[in-house]
Each structure stands twice: as structure tokens, then as C-alpha cells.
Amino acid sequence: MSLPACPKCQETFTYQDGHLYVCPMCFHEWTAESQKAAEEALIIRDVHGNPLQDGDDVTVIRDLRLGKDVIKQGTRVRGIRLLDEPVDDHDIEARVEGMGSIYLKSSVVKK
């Protein structure tokens, strides 16, 4: 049985101590359940709970003001890119026709 890598430092020297996994490099301890919950939290979902992936096409569900410009409800955005590190809670990078490249929140789009 192979043990999972440490979710904190990504080292592979993990050992099991009872029901806990322990990393001797950073001393992080976790359980299998907490690791599953952490992996589930990394999945970016749209407003309806559908998981999003790089390259998906999405639709904006409400008008979004960007300074003097507005992205209208129902605008189709093609080929999104999911961000590894969110920027001000925006977890999607997209190219909107007429606007260029912008960041969107997954809570304002549907697949």
C-alpha cells in the first residue's frame, strides 16, 4: 500500500501512526477523511454545483459591471482556464469577446 504525499509540503516520506498520516519533514498530521475533504474543496464548481475544467464553455448568469463596460447576462464564454491561485476570489480566467482577458468568479457562471 502506498501512502499519500504530504498535502502541506508534497514530500513522499509519509508514515502512518494509528489512524493519522504524519509527515516527518514538516510535522503535518492528517487523516484520510480530511485529505478527501481537502481534495473535494479544490474542485471548482459553477453556480449549480457542476465541476468545471480547463477549456469548458460557460454562460454568465447575471449582468457584471466592469468599470463603464457591462458583461450581459447570457454571454457565452468559451475555453475558460481555472486558476491555481485565486485572484481576489476570482477562480476563472476567461477571454470575453470585446472585453479581452478577465477574471470571473465561479459563482456567476453556469456550464
PDB file of N, CA and C in Angstrom:
ATOM      1  N   MET A   1       0.837  -1.177   0.000  1.00  0.00           N
ATOM      2  CA  MET A   1       0.000   0.000   0.000  1.00  0.00           C
ATOM      3  C   MET A   1       0.881   1.240   0.000  1.00  0.00           C
ATOM      4  N   SER A   2       0.682   2.133  -0.950  1.00  0.00           N
ATOM      5  CA  SER A   2       1.459   3.364  -0.984  1.00  0.00           C
ATOM      6  C   SER A   2       0.724   4.443  -0.195  1.00  0.00           C
ATOM      7  N   LEU A   3       1.476   5.193   0.558  1.00  0.00           N
ATOM      8  CA  LEU A   3       0.902   6.248   1.377  1.00  0.00           C
ATOM      9  C   LEU A   3       0.877   7.551   0.592  1.00  0.00           C
ATOM     10  N   PRO A   4      -0.088   8.419   0.862  1.00  0.00           N
ATOM     11  CA  PRO A   4      -0.180   9.672   0.109  1.00  0.00           C
ATOM     12  C   PRO A   4       0.946  10.632   0.471  1.00  0.00           C
ATOM     13  N   ALA A   5       1.269  11.502  -0.467  1.00  0.00           N
ATOM     14  CA  ALA A   5       2.249  12.548  -0.195  1.00  0.00           C
ATOM     15  C   ALA A   5       1.636  13.571   0.751  1.00  0.00           C
ATOM     16  N   CYS A   6       2.472  14.286   1.454  1.00  0.00           N
ATOM     17  CA  CYS A   6       2.011  15.298   2.403  1.00  0.00           C
ATOM     18  C   CYS A   6       1.264  16.409   1.659  1.00  0.00           C
ATOM     19  N   PRO A   7       0.045  16.751   2.071  1.00  0.00           N
ATOM     20  CA  PRO A   7      -0.688  17.812   1.389  1.00  0.00           C
ATOM     21  C   PRO A   7      -0.116  19.200   1.642  1.00  0.00           C
ATOM     22  N   LYS A   8       0.712  19.336   2.660  1.00  0.00           N
ATOM     23  CA  LYS A   8       1.278  20.644   3.001  1.00  0.00           C
ATOM     24  C   LYS A   8       2.576  20.912   2.246  1.00  0.00           C
ATOM     25  N   CYS A   9       3.527  19.943   2.272  1.00  0.00           N
ATOM     26  CA  CYS A   9       4.838  20.174   1.655  1.00  0.00           C
ATOM     27  C   CYS A   9       5.102  19.277   0.437  1.00  0.00           C
ATOM     28  N   GLN A  10       4.209  18.344   0.150  1.00  0.00           N
ATOM     29  CA  GLN A  10       4.298  17.441  -1.010  1.00  0.00           C
ATOM     30  C   GLN A  10       5.424  16.420  -0.925  1.00  0.00           C
ATOM     31  N   GLU A  11       6.045  16.255   0.241  1.00  0.00           N
ATOM     32  CA  GLU A  11       7.088  15.239   0.411  1.00  0.00           C
ATOM     33  C   GLU A  11       6.451  13.850   0.450  1.00  0.00           C
ATOM     34  N   THR A  12       7.207  12.836   0.076  1.00  0.00           N
ATOM     35  CA  THR A  12       6.671  11.472  -0.012  1.00  0.00           C
ATOM     36  C   THR A  12       7.127  10.578   1.127  1.00  0.00           C
ATOM     37  N   PHE A  13       7.666  11.150   2.185  1.00  0.00           N
ATOM     38  CA  PHE A  13       8.169  10.369   3.308  1.00  0.00           C
ATOM     39  C   PHE A  13       7.100  10.112   4.364  1.00  0.00           C
ATOM     40  N   THR A  14       5.857  10.124   3.994  1.00  0.00           N
ATOM     41  CA  THR A  14       4.727   9.951   4.914  1.00  0.00           C
ATOM     42  C   THR A  14       4.778   8.590   5.595  1.00  0.00           C
ATOM     43  N   TYR A  15       4.397   8.571   6.872  1.00  0.00           N
ATOM     44  CA  TYR A  15       4.206   7.303   7.571  1.00  0.00           C
ATOM     45  C   TYR A  15       2.883   7.348   8.310  1.00  0.00           C
ATOM     46  N   GLN A  16       2.387   6.180   8.672  1.00  0.00           N
ATOM     47  CA  GLN A  16       1.092   6.075   9.323  1.00  0.00           C
ATOM     48  C   GLN A  16       1.305   5.825  10.816  1.00  0.00           C
ATOM     49  N   ASP A  17       0.574   6.579  11.640  1.00  0.00           N
ATOM     50  CA  ASP A  17       0.626   6.437  13.092  1.00  0.00           C
ATOM     51  C   ASP A  17      -0.811   6.260  13.572  1.00  0.00           C
ATOM     52  N   GLY A  18      -1.237   5.011  13.692  1.00  0.00           N
ATOM     53  CA  GLY A  18      -2.634   4.737  14.036  1.00  0.00           C
ATOM     54  C   GLY A  18      -3.519   5.107  12.865  1.00  0.00           C
ATOM     55  N   HIS A  19      -4.467   6.013  13.097  1.00  0.00           N
ATOM     56  CA  HIS A  19      -5.350   6.451  12.014  1.00  0.00           C
ATOM     57  C   HIS A  19      -4.865   7.740  11.359  1.00  0.00           C
ATOM     58  N   LEU A  20      -3.728   8.267  11.808  1.00  0.00           N
ATOM     59  CA  LEU A  20      -3.177   9.500  11.257  1.00  0.00           C
ATOM     60  C   LEU A  20      -2.042   9.216  10.278  1.00  0.00           C
ATOM     61  N   TYR A  21      -1.927  10.090   9.286  1.00  0.00           N
ATOM     62  CA  TYR A  21      -0.743  10.130   8.432  1.00  0.00           C
ATOM     63  C   TYR A  21       0.137  11.252   8.972  1.00  0.00           C
ATOM     64  N   VAL A  22       1.444  11.047   8.985  1.00  0.00           N
ATOM     65  CA  VAL A  22       2.372  12.029   9.530  1.00  0.00           C
ATOM     66  C   VAL A  22       3.488  12.273   8.523  1.00  0.00           C
ATOM     67  N   CYS A  23       3.852  13.538   8.366  1.00  0.00           N
ATOM     68  CA  CYS A  23       4.978  13.908   7.508  1.00  0.00           C
ATOM     69  C   CYS A  23       6.154  14.260   8.411  1.00  0.00           C
ATOM     70  N   PRO A  24       7.269  13.526   8.321  1.00  0.00           N
ATOM     71  CA  PRO A  24       8.419  13.837   9.173  1.00  0.00           C
ATOM     72  C   PRO A  24       9.184  15.091   8.734  1.00  0.00           C
ATOM     73  N   MET A  25       8.889  15.595   7.558  1.00  0.00           N
ATOM     74  CA  MET A  25       9.604  16.776   7.065  1.00  0.00           C
ATOM     75  C   MET A  25       9.032  18.072   7.634  1.00  0.00           C
ATOM     76  N   CYS A  26       7.687  18.193   7.660  1.00  0.00           N
ATOM     77  CA  CYS A  26       7.065  19.430   8.145  1.00  0.00           C
ATOM     78  C   CYS A  26       6.192  19.192   9.379  1.00  0.00           C
ATOM     79  N   PHE A  27       6.113  17.927   9.832  1.00  0.00           N
ATOM     80  CA  PHE A  27       5.357  17.525  11.016  1.00  0.00           C
ATOM     81  C   PHE A  27       3.847  17.735  10.877  1.00  0.00           C
ATOM     82  N   HIS A  28       3.368  17.766   9.649  1.00  0.00           N
ATOM     83  CA  HIS A  28       1.937  17.891   9.399  1.00  0.00           C
ATOM     84  C   HIS A  28       1.274  16.536   9.641  1.00  0.00           C
ATOM     85  N   GLU A  29       0.109  16.548  10.321  1.00  0.00           N
ATOM     86  CA  GLU A  29      -0.663  15.332  10.559  1.00  0.00           C
ATOM     87  C   GLU A  29      -2.038  15.495   9.939  1.00  0.00           C
ATOM     88  N   TRP A  30      -2.549  14.423   9.328  1.00  0.00           N
ATOM     89  CA  TRP A  30      -3.875  14.470   8.728  1.00  0.00           C
ATOM     90  C   TRP A  30      -4.464  13.076   8.687  1.00  0.00           C
ATOM     91  N   THR A  31      -5.783  13.025   8.462  1.00  0.00           N
ATOM     92  CA  THR A  31      -6.478  11.745   8.341  1.00  0.00           C
ATOM     93  C   THR A  31      -6.887  11.539   6.892  1.00  0.00           C
ATOM     94  N   ALA A  32      -7.275  10.338   6.564  1.00  0.00           N
ATOM     95  CA  ALA A  32      -7.726  10.049   5.203  1.00  0.00           C
ATOM     96  C   ALA A  32      -8.980  10.861   4.880  1.00  0.00           C
ATOM     97  N   GLU A  33      -9.873  11.032   5.875  1.00  0.00           N
ATOM     98  CA  GLU A  33     -11.103  11.795   5.650  1.00  0.00           C
ATOM     99  C   GLU A  33     -10.805  13.265   5.379  1.00  0.00           C
ATOM    100  N   SER A  34      -9.855  13.832   6.131  1.00  0.00           N
ATOM    101  CA  SER A  34      -9.522  15.240   5.925  1.00  0.00           C
ATOM    102  C   SER A  34      -8.853  15.447   4.567  1.00  0.00           C
ATOM    103  N   GLN A  35      -8.097  14.448   4.100  1.00  0.00           N
ATOM    104  CA  GLN A  35      -7.472  14.563   2.787  1.00  0.00           C
ATOM    105  C   GLN A  35      -8.533  14.537   1.691  1.00  0.00           C
ATOM    106  N   LYS A  36      -9.535  13.663   1.833  1.00  0.00           N
ATOM    107  CA  LYS A  36     -10.617  13.616   0.849  1.00  0.00           C
ATOM    108  C   LYS A  36     -11.373  14.933   0.825  1.00  0.00           C
ATOM    109  N   ALA A  37     -11.634  15.508   2.002  1.00  0.00           N
ATOM    110  CA  ALA A  37     -12.335  16.790   2.087  1.00  0.00           C
ATOM    111  C   ALA A  37     -11.513  17.903   1.440  1.00  0.00           C
ATOM    112  N   ALA A  38     -10.198  17.884   1.650  1.00  0.00           N
ATOM    113  CA  ALA A  38      -9.326  18.895   1.052  1.00  0.00           C
ATOM    114  C   ALA A  38      -9.299  18.765  -0.467  1.00  0.00           C
ATOM    115  N   GLU A  39      -9.257  17.533  -0.974  1.00  0.00           N
ATOM    116  CA  GLU A  39      -9.270  17.319  -2.420  1.00  0.00           C
ATOM    117  C   GLU A  39     -10.598  17.769  -3.016  1.00  0.00           C
ATOM    118  N   GLU A  40     -11.699  17.528  -2.307  1.00  0.00           N
ATOM    119  CA  GLU A  40     -13.026  17.942  -2.767  1.00  0.00           C
ATOM    120  C   GLU A  40     -13.124  19.469  -2.800  1.00  0.00           C
ATOM    121  N   ALA A  41     -12.488  20.130  -1.842  1.00  0.00           N
ATOM    122  CA  ALA A  41     -12.531  21.589  -1.782  1.00  0.00           C
ATOM    123  C   ALA A  41     -11.760  22.224  -2.939  1.00  0.00           C
ATOM    124  N   LEU A  42     -10.812  21.508  -3.524  1.00  0.00           N
ATOM    125  CA  LEU A  42     -10.038  22.035  -4.634  1.00  0.00           C
ATOM    126  C   LEU A  42     -10.806  22.037  -5.952  1.00  0.00           C
ATOM    127  N   ILE A  43     -11.908  21.292  -6.010  1.00  0.00           N
ATOM    128  CA  ILE A  43     -12.702  21.227  -7.238  1.00  0.00           C
ATOM    129  C   ILE A  43     -13.503  22.520  -7.372  1.00  0.00           C
ATOM    130  N   ILE A  44     -13.345  23.197  -8.497  1.00  0.00           N
ATOM    131  CA  ILE A  44     -14.082  24.439  -8.752  1.00  0.00           C
ATOM    132  C   ILE A  44     -15.402  24.073  -9.417  1.00  0.00           C
ATOM    133  N   ARG A  45     -16.492  24.591  -8.856  1.00  0.00           N
ATOM    134  CA  ARG A  45     -17.835  24.271  -9.338  1.00  0.00           C
ATOM    135  C   ARG A  45     -18.565  25.537  -9.773  1.00  0.00           C
ATOM    136  N   ASP A  46     -19.480  25.376 -10.745  1.00  0.00           N
ATOM    137  CA  ASP A  46     -20.288  26.508 -11.181  1.00  0.00           C
ATOM    138  C   ASP A  46     -21.418  26.761 -10.184  1.00  0.00           C
ATOM    139  N   VAL A  47     -22.306  27.678 -10.510  1.00  0.00           N
ATOM    140  CA  VAL A  47     -23.386  28.065  -9.611  1.00  0.00           C
ATOM    141  C   VAL A  47     -24.339  26.908  -9.302  1.00  0.00           C
ATOM    142  N   HIS A  48     -24.447  25.926 -10.177  1.00  0.00           N
ATOM    143  CA  HIS A  48     -25.329  24.775  -9.981  1.00  0.00           C
ATOM    144  C   HIS A  48     -24.608  23.575  -9.382  1.00  0.00           C
ATOM    145  N   GLY A  49     -23.331  23.704  -9.090  1.00  0.00           N
ATOM    146  CA  GLY A  49     -22.574  22.618  -8.477  1.00  0.00           C
ATOM    147  C   GLY A  49     -21.891  21.687  -9.454  1.00  0.00           C
ATOM    148  N   ASN A  50     -21.933  21.990 -10.733  1.00  0.00           N
ATOM    149  CA  ASN A  50     -21.252  21.171 -11.736  1.00  0.00           C
ATOM    150  C   ASN A  50     -19.757  21.476 -11.716  1.00  0.00           C
ATOM    151  N   PRO A  51     -18.906  20.438 -11.700  1.00  0.00           N
ATOM    152  CA  PRO A  51     -17.461  20.696 -11.698  1.00  0.00           C
ATOM    153  C   PRO A  51     -17.007  21.300 -13.021  1.00  0.00           C
ATOM    154  N   LEU A  52     -16.118  22.288 -12.925  1.00  0.00           N
ATOM    155  CA  LEU A  52     -15.576  22.954 -14.111  1.00  0.00           C
ATOM    156  C   LEU A  52     -14.172  22.445 -14.384  1.00  0.00           C
ATOM    157  N   GLN A  53     -13.782  22.472 -15.666  1.00  0.00           N
ATOM    158  CA  GLN A  53     -12.446  22.063 -16.083  1.00  0.00           C
ATOM    159  C   GLN A  53     -11.908  23.085 -17.064  1.00  0.00           C
ATOM    160  N   ASP A  54     -10.585  23.091 -17.233  1.00  0.00           N
ATOM    161  CA  ASP A  54      -9.975  23.967 -18.230  1.00  0.00           C
ATOM    162  C   ASP A  54     -10.569  23.663 -19.597  1.00  0.00           C
ATOM    163  N   GLY A  55     -10.874  24.722 -20.355  1.00  0.00           N
ATOM    164  CA  GLY A  55     -11.404  24.554 -21.703  1.00  0.00           C
ATOM    165  C   GLY A  55     -12.911  24.485 -21.785  1.00  0.00           C
ATOM    166  N   ASP A  56     -13.612  24.448 -20.654  1.00  0.00           N
ATOM    167  CA  ASP A  56     -15.078  24.403 -20.680  1.00  0.00           C
ATOM    168  C   ASP A  56     -15.650  25.709 -21.222  1.00  0.00           C
ATOM    169  N   ASP A  57     -16.862  25.616 -21.760  1.00  0.00           N
ATOM    170  CA  ASP A  57     -17.622  26.785 -22.171  1.00  0.00           C
ATOM    171  C   ASP A  57     -18.667  27.043 -21.099  1.00  0.00           C
ATOM    172  N   VAL A  58     -18.790  28.301 -20.679  1.00  0.00           N
ATOM    173  CA  VAL A  58     -19.742  28.663 -19.630  1.00  0.00           C
ATOM    174  C   VAL A  58     -20.575  29.850 -20.077  1.00  0.00           C
ATOM    175  N   THR A  59     -21.668  30.102 -19.336  1.00  0.00           N
ATOM    176  CA  THR A  59     -22.560  31.217 -19.596  1.00  0.00           C
ATOM    177  C   THR A  59     -22.647  32.070 -18.337  1.00  0.00           C
ATOM    178  N   VAL A  60     -22.578  33.374 -18.499  1.00  0.00           N
ATOM    179  CA  VAL A  60     -22.695  34.306 -17.377  1.00  0.00           C
ATOM    180  C   VAL A  60     -24.167  34.365 -16.971  1.00  0.00           C
ATOM    181  N   ILE A  61     -24.447  34.259 -15.663  1.00  0.00           N
ATOM    182  CA  ILE A  61     -25.842  34.162 -15.216  1.00  0.00           C
ATOM    183  C   ILE A  61     -26.454  35.498 -14.797  1.00  0.00           C
ATOM    184  N   ARG A  62     -25.645  36.568 -14.715  1.00  0.00           N
ATOM    185  CA  ARG A  62     -26.193  37.892 -14.387  1.00  0.00           C
ATOM    186  C   ARG A  62     -25.297  38.971 -14.971  1.00  0.00           C
ATOM    187  N   ASP A  63     -25.818  40.186 -15.089  1.00  0.00           N
ATOM    188  CA  ASP A  63     -25.027  41.291 -15.606  1.00  0.00           C
ATOM    189  C   ASP A  63     -23.854  41.572 -14.674  1.00  0.00           C
ATOM    190  N   LEU A  64     -22.673  41.766 -15.263  1.00  0.00           N
ATOM    191  CA  LEU A  64     -21.472  42.065 -14.492  1.00  0.00           C
ATOM    192  C   LEU A  64     -20.902  43.403 -14.953  1.00  0.00           C
ATOM    193  N   ARG A  65     -20.756  44.345 -14.030  1.00  0.00           N
ATOM    194  CA  ARG A  65     -20.197  45.650 -14.355  1.00  0.00           C
ATOM    195  C   ARG A  65     -18.679  45.602 -14.226  1.00  0.00           C
ATOM    196  N   LEU A  66     -18.022  46.077 -15.264  1.00  0.00           N
ATOM    197  CA  LEU A  66     -16.565  46.185 -15.285  1.00  0.00           C
ATOM    198  C   LEU A  66     -16.225  47.624 -15.632  1.00  0.00           C
ATOM    199  N   GLY A  67     -16.212  48.480 -14.625  1.00  0.00           N
ATOM    200  CA  GLY A  67     -16.000  49.899 -14.884  1.00  0.00           C
ATOM    201  C   GLY A  67     -17.173  50.447 -15.668  1.00  0.00           C
ATOM    202  N   LYS A  68     -16.919  50.985 -16.845  1.00  0.00           N
ATOM    203  CA  LYS A  68     -18.003  51.522 -17.680  1.00  0.00           C
ATOM    204  C   LYS A  68     -18.622  50.449 -18.569  1.00  0.00           C
ATOM    205  N   ASP A  69     -17.968  49.300 -18.685  1.00  0.00           N
ATOM    206  CA  ASP A  69     -18.482  48.214 -19.520  1.00  0.00           C
ATOM    207  C   ASP A  69     -19.345  47.260 -18.700  1.00  0.00           C
ATOM    208  N   VAL A  70     -20.186  46.497 -19.415  1.00  0.00           N
ATOM    209  CA  VAL A  70     -21.056  45.513 -18.770  1.00  0.00           C
ATOM    210  C   VAL A  70     -21.006  44.217 -19.569  1.00  0.00           C
ATOM    211  N   ILE A  71     -20.829  43.118 -18.858  1.00  0.00           N
ATOM    212  CA  ILE A  71     -20.984  41.803 -19.488  1.00  0.00           C
ATOM    213  C   ILE A  71     -22.425  41.391 -19.219  1.00  0.00           C
ATOM    214  N   LYS A  72     -23.198  41.243 -20.250  1.00  0.00           N
ATOM    215  CA  LYS A  72     -24.624  40.965 -20.115  1.00  0.00           C
ATOM    216  C   LYS A  72     -24.889  39.525 -19.695  1.00  0.00           C
ATOM    217  N   GLN A  73     -25.992  39.349 -18.995  1.00  0.00           N
ATOM    218  CA  GLN A  73     -26.458  38.006 -18.627  1.00  0.00           C
ATOM    219  C   GLN A  73     -26.654  37.201 -19.902  1.00  0.00           C
ATOM    220  N   GLY A  74     -26.218  35.945 -19.880  1.00  0.00           N
ATOM    221  CA  GLY A  74     -26.355  35.072 -21.038  1.00  0.00           C
ATOM    222  C   GLY A  74     -25.159  35.096 -21.979  1.00  0.00           C
ATOM    223  N   THR A  75     -24.162  35.926 -21.689  1.00  0.00           N
ATOM    224  CA  THR A  75     -22.960  35.977 -22.521  1.00  0.00           C
ATOM    225  C   THR A  75     -22.230  34.642 -22.434  1.00  0.00           C
ATOM    226  N   ARG A  76     -21.898  34.102 -23.581  1.00  0.00           N
ATOM    227  CA  ARG A  76     -21.206  32.816 -23.665  1.00  0.00           C
ATOM    228  C   ARG A  76     -19.703  33.058 -23.624  1.00  0.00           C
ATOM    229  N   VAL A  77     -19.024  32.348 -22.732  1.00  0.00           N
ATOM    230  CA  VAL A  77     -17.572  32.455 -22.604  1.00  0.00           C
ATOM    231  C   VAL A  77     -16.991  31.094 -22.960  1.00  0.00           C
ATOM    232  N   ARG A  78     -16.101  31.073 -23.925  1.00  0.00           N
ATOM    233  CA  ARG A  78     -15.549  29.808 -24.414  1.00  0.00           C
ATOM    234  C   ARG A  78     -14.103  29.618 -23.930  1.00  0.00           C
ATOM    235  N   GLY A  79     -13.779  28.361 -23.615  1.00  0.00           N
ATOM    236  CA  GLY A  79     -12.396  27.998 -23.296  1.00  0.00           C
ATOM    237  C   GLY A  79     -11.849  28.650 -22.042  1.00  0.00           C
ATOM    238  N   ILE A  80     -12.520  28.477 -20.928  1.00  0.00           N
ATOM    239  CA  ILE A  80     -12.048  29.068 -19.674  1.00  0.00           C
ATOM    240  C   ILE A  80     -10.778  28.381 -19.191  1.00  0.00           C
ATOM    241  N   ARG A  81     -10.066  29.057 -18.294  1.00  0.00           N
ATOM    242  CA  ARG A  81      -8.879  28.477 -17.660  1.00  0.00           C
ATOM    243  C   ARG A  81      -9.048  28.648 -16.155  1.00  0.00           C
ATOM    244  N   LEU A  82      -8.946  27.543 -15.414  1.00  0.00           N
ATOM    245  CA  LEU A  82      -9.077  27.585 -13.961  1.00  0.00           C
ATOM    246  C   LEU A  82      -7.754  28.018 -13.350  1.00  0.00           C
ATOM    247  N   LEU A  83      -7.827  28.892 -12.363  1.00  0.00           N
ATOM    248  CA  LEU A  83      -6.629  29.422 -11.715  1.00  0.00           C
ATOM    249  C   LEU A  83      -6.235  28.547 -10.536  1.00  0.00           C
ATOM    250  N   ASP A  84      -4.938  28.260 -10.405  1.00  0.00           N
ATOM    251  CA  ASP A  84      -4.436  27.516  -9.250  1.00  0.00           C
ATOM    252  C   ASP A  84      -4.512  28.376  -7.993  1.00  0.00           C
ATOM    253  N   GLU A  85      -4.204  29.653  -8.139  1.00  0.00           N
ATOM    254  CA  GLU A  85      -4.262  30.612  -7.029  1.00  0.00           C
ATOM    255  C   GLU A  85      -5.315  31.660  -7.374  1.00  0.00           C
ATOM    256  N   PRO A  86      -6.458  31.671  -6.673  1.00  0.00           N
ATOM    257  CA  PRO A  86      -7.494  32.677  -6.968  1.00  0.00           C
ATOM    258  C   PRO A  86      -6.974  34.099  -6.793  1.00  0.00           C
ATOM    259  N   VAL A  87      -7.486  35.008  -7.625  1.00  0.00           N
ATOM    260  CA  VAL A  87      -7.136  36.421  -7.576  1.00  0.00           C
ATOM    261  C   VAL A  87      -8.362  37.162  -7.062  1.00  0.00           C
ATOM    262  N   ASP A  88      -8.317  37.664  -5.829  1.00  0.00           N
ATOM    263  CA  ASP A  88      -9.450  38.362  -5.201  1.00  0.00           C
ATOM    264  C   ASP A  88     -10.732  37.535  -5.300  1.00  0.00           C
ATOM    265  N   ASP A  89     -10.666  36.257  -4.966  1.00  0.00           N
ATOM    266  CA  ASP A  89     -11.790  35.310  -5.007  1.00  0.00           C
ATOM    267  C   ASP A  89     -12.261  34.976  -6.415  1.00  0.00           C
ATOM    268  N   HIS A  90     -11.568  35.430  -7.434  1.00  0.00           N
ATOM    269  CA  HIS A  90     -11.887  35.076  -8.819  1.00  0.00           C
ATOM    270  C   HIS A  90     -11.065  33.838  -9.163  1.00  0.00           C
ATOM    271  N   ASP A  91     -11.733  32.739  -9.540  1.00  0.00           N
ATOM    272  CA  ASP A  91     -11.023  31.486  -9.772  1.00  0.00           C
ATOM    273  C   ASP A  91     -11.029  31.030 -11.224  1.00  0.00           C
ATOM    274  N   ILE A  92     -11.506  31.883 -12.134  1.00  0.00           N
ATOM    275  CA  ILE A  92     -11.553  31.556 -13.564  1.00  0.00           C
ATOM    276  C   ILE A  92     -10.933  32.703 -14.354  1.00  0.00           C
ATOM    277  N   GLU A  93     -10.089  32.353 -15.320  1.00  0.00           N
ATOM    278  CA  GLU A  93      -9.602  33.338 -16.278  1.00  0.00           C
ATOM    279  C   GLU A  93     -10.291  33.049 -17.599  1.00  0.00           C
ATOM    280  N   ALA A  94     -10.827  34.093 -18.232  1.00  0.00           N
ATOM    281  CA  ALA A  94     -11.579  33.894 -19.463  1.00  0.00           C
ATOM    282  C   ALA A  94     -11.310  35.037 -20.425  1.00  0.00           C
ATOM    283  N   ARG A  95     -11.527  34.752 -21.686  1.00  0.00           N
ATOM    284  CA  ARG A  95     -11.435  35.786 -22.716  1.00  0.00           C
ATOM    285  C   ARG A  95     -12.855  36.037 -23.225  1.00  0.00           C
ATOM    286  N   VAL A  96     -13.338  37.249 -22.960  1.00  0.00           N
ATOM    287  CA  VAL A  96     -14.683  37.630 -23.376  1.00  0.00           C
ATOM    288  C   VAL A  96     -14.554  38.507 -24.606  1.00  0.00           C
ATOM    289  N   GLU A  97     -15.317  38.177 -25.629  1.00  0.00           N
ATOM    290  CA  GLU A  97     -15.250  38.918 -26.877  1.00  0.00           C
ATOM    291  C   GLU A  97     -15.603  40.384 -26.637  1.00  0.00           C
ATOM    292  N   GLY A  98     -14.751  41.270 -27.112  1.00  0.00           N
ATOM    293  CA  GLY A  98     -14.961  42.695 -26.938  1.00  0.00           C
ATOM    294  C   GLY A  98     -14.413  43.241 -25.633  1.00  0.00           C
ATOM    295  N   MET A  99     -14.024  42.383 -24.697  1.00  0.00           N
ATOM    296  CA  MET A  99     -13.513  42.807 -23.390  1.00  0.00           C
ATOM    297  C   MET A  99     -12.051  42.417 -23.202  1.00  0.00           C
ATOM    298  N   GLY A 100     -11.642  41.327 -23.814  1.00  0.00           N
ATOM    299  CA  GLY A 100     -10.302  40.813 -23.599  1.00  0.00           C
ATOM    300  C   GLY A 100     -10.276  39.791 -22.481  1.00  0.00           C
ATOM    301  N   SER A 101      -9.135  39.640 -21.850  1.00  0.00           N
ATOM    302  CA  SER A 101      -8.958  38.644 -20.806  1.00  0.00           C
ATOM    303  C   SER A 101      -9.400  39.229 -19.462  1.00  0.00           C
ATOM    304  N   ILE A 102     -10.268  38.492 -18.743  1.00  0.00           N
ATOM    305  CA  ILE A 102     -10.766  38.944 -17.445  1.00  0.00           C
ATOM    306  C   ILE A 102     -10.814  37.767 -16.486  1.00  0.00           C
ATOM    307  N   TYR A 103     -10.951  38.072 -15.204  1.00  0.00           N
ATOM    308  CA  TYR A 103     -11.144  37.061 -14.181  1.00  0.00           C
ATOM    309  C   TYR A 103     -12.619  37.020 -13.812  1.00  0.00           C
ATOM    310  N   LEU A 104     -13.143  35.821 -13.609  1.00  0.00           N
ATOM    311  CA  LEU A 104     -14.536  35.630 -13.198  1.00  0.00           C
ATOM    312  C   LEU A 104     -14.604  34.772 -11.948  1.00  0.00           C
ATOM    313  N   LYS A 105     -15.683  34.911 -11.207  1.00  0.00           N
ATOM    314  CA  LYS A 105     -15.942  34.015 -10.078  1.00  0.00           C
ATOM    315  C   LYS A 105     -16.797  32.869 -10.585  1.00  0.00           C
ATOM    316  N   SER A 106     -16.550  31.681 -10.076  1.00  0.00           N
ATOM    317  CA  SER A 106     -17.340  30.522 -10.500  1.00  0.00           C
ATOM    318  C   SER A 106     -18.795  30.643 -10.049  1.00  0.00           C
ATOM    319  N   SER A 107     -19.075  31.514  -9.097  1.00  0.00           N
ATOM    320  CA  SER A 107     -20.448  31.688  -8.609  1.00  0.00           C
ATOM    321  C   SER A 107     -21.324  32.497  -9.556  1.00  0.00           C
ATOM    322  N   VAL A 108     -20.760  33.049 -10.633  1.00  0.00           N
ATOM    323  CA  VAL A 108     -21.564  33.824 -11.577  1.00  0.00           C
ATOM    324  C   VAL A 108     -21.620  33.188 -12.956  1.00  0.00           C
ATOM    325  N   VAL A 109     -21.205  31.917 -13.070  1.00  0.00           N
ATOM    326  CA  VAL A 109     -21.269  31.233 -14.362  1.00  0.00           C
ATOM    327  C   VAL A 109     -21.953  29.869 -14.201  1.00  0.00           C
ATOM    328  N   LYS A 110     -22.500  29.397 -15.303  1.00  0.00           N
ATOM    329  CA  LYS A 110     -23.056  28.034 -15.338  1.00  0.00           C
ATOM    330  C   LYS A 110     -22.502  27.344 -16.562  1.00  0.00           C
ATOM    331  N   LYS A 111     -22.357  26.018 -16.440  1.00  0.00           N
ATOM    332  CA  LYS A 111     -21.793  25.201 -17.508  1.00  0.00           C
ATOM    333  C   LYS A 111     -22.820  24.981 -18.588  1.00  0.00           C
TER     334      LYS A 111
END
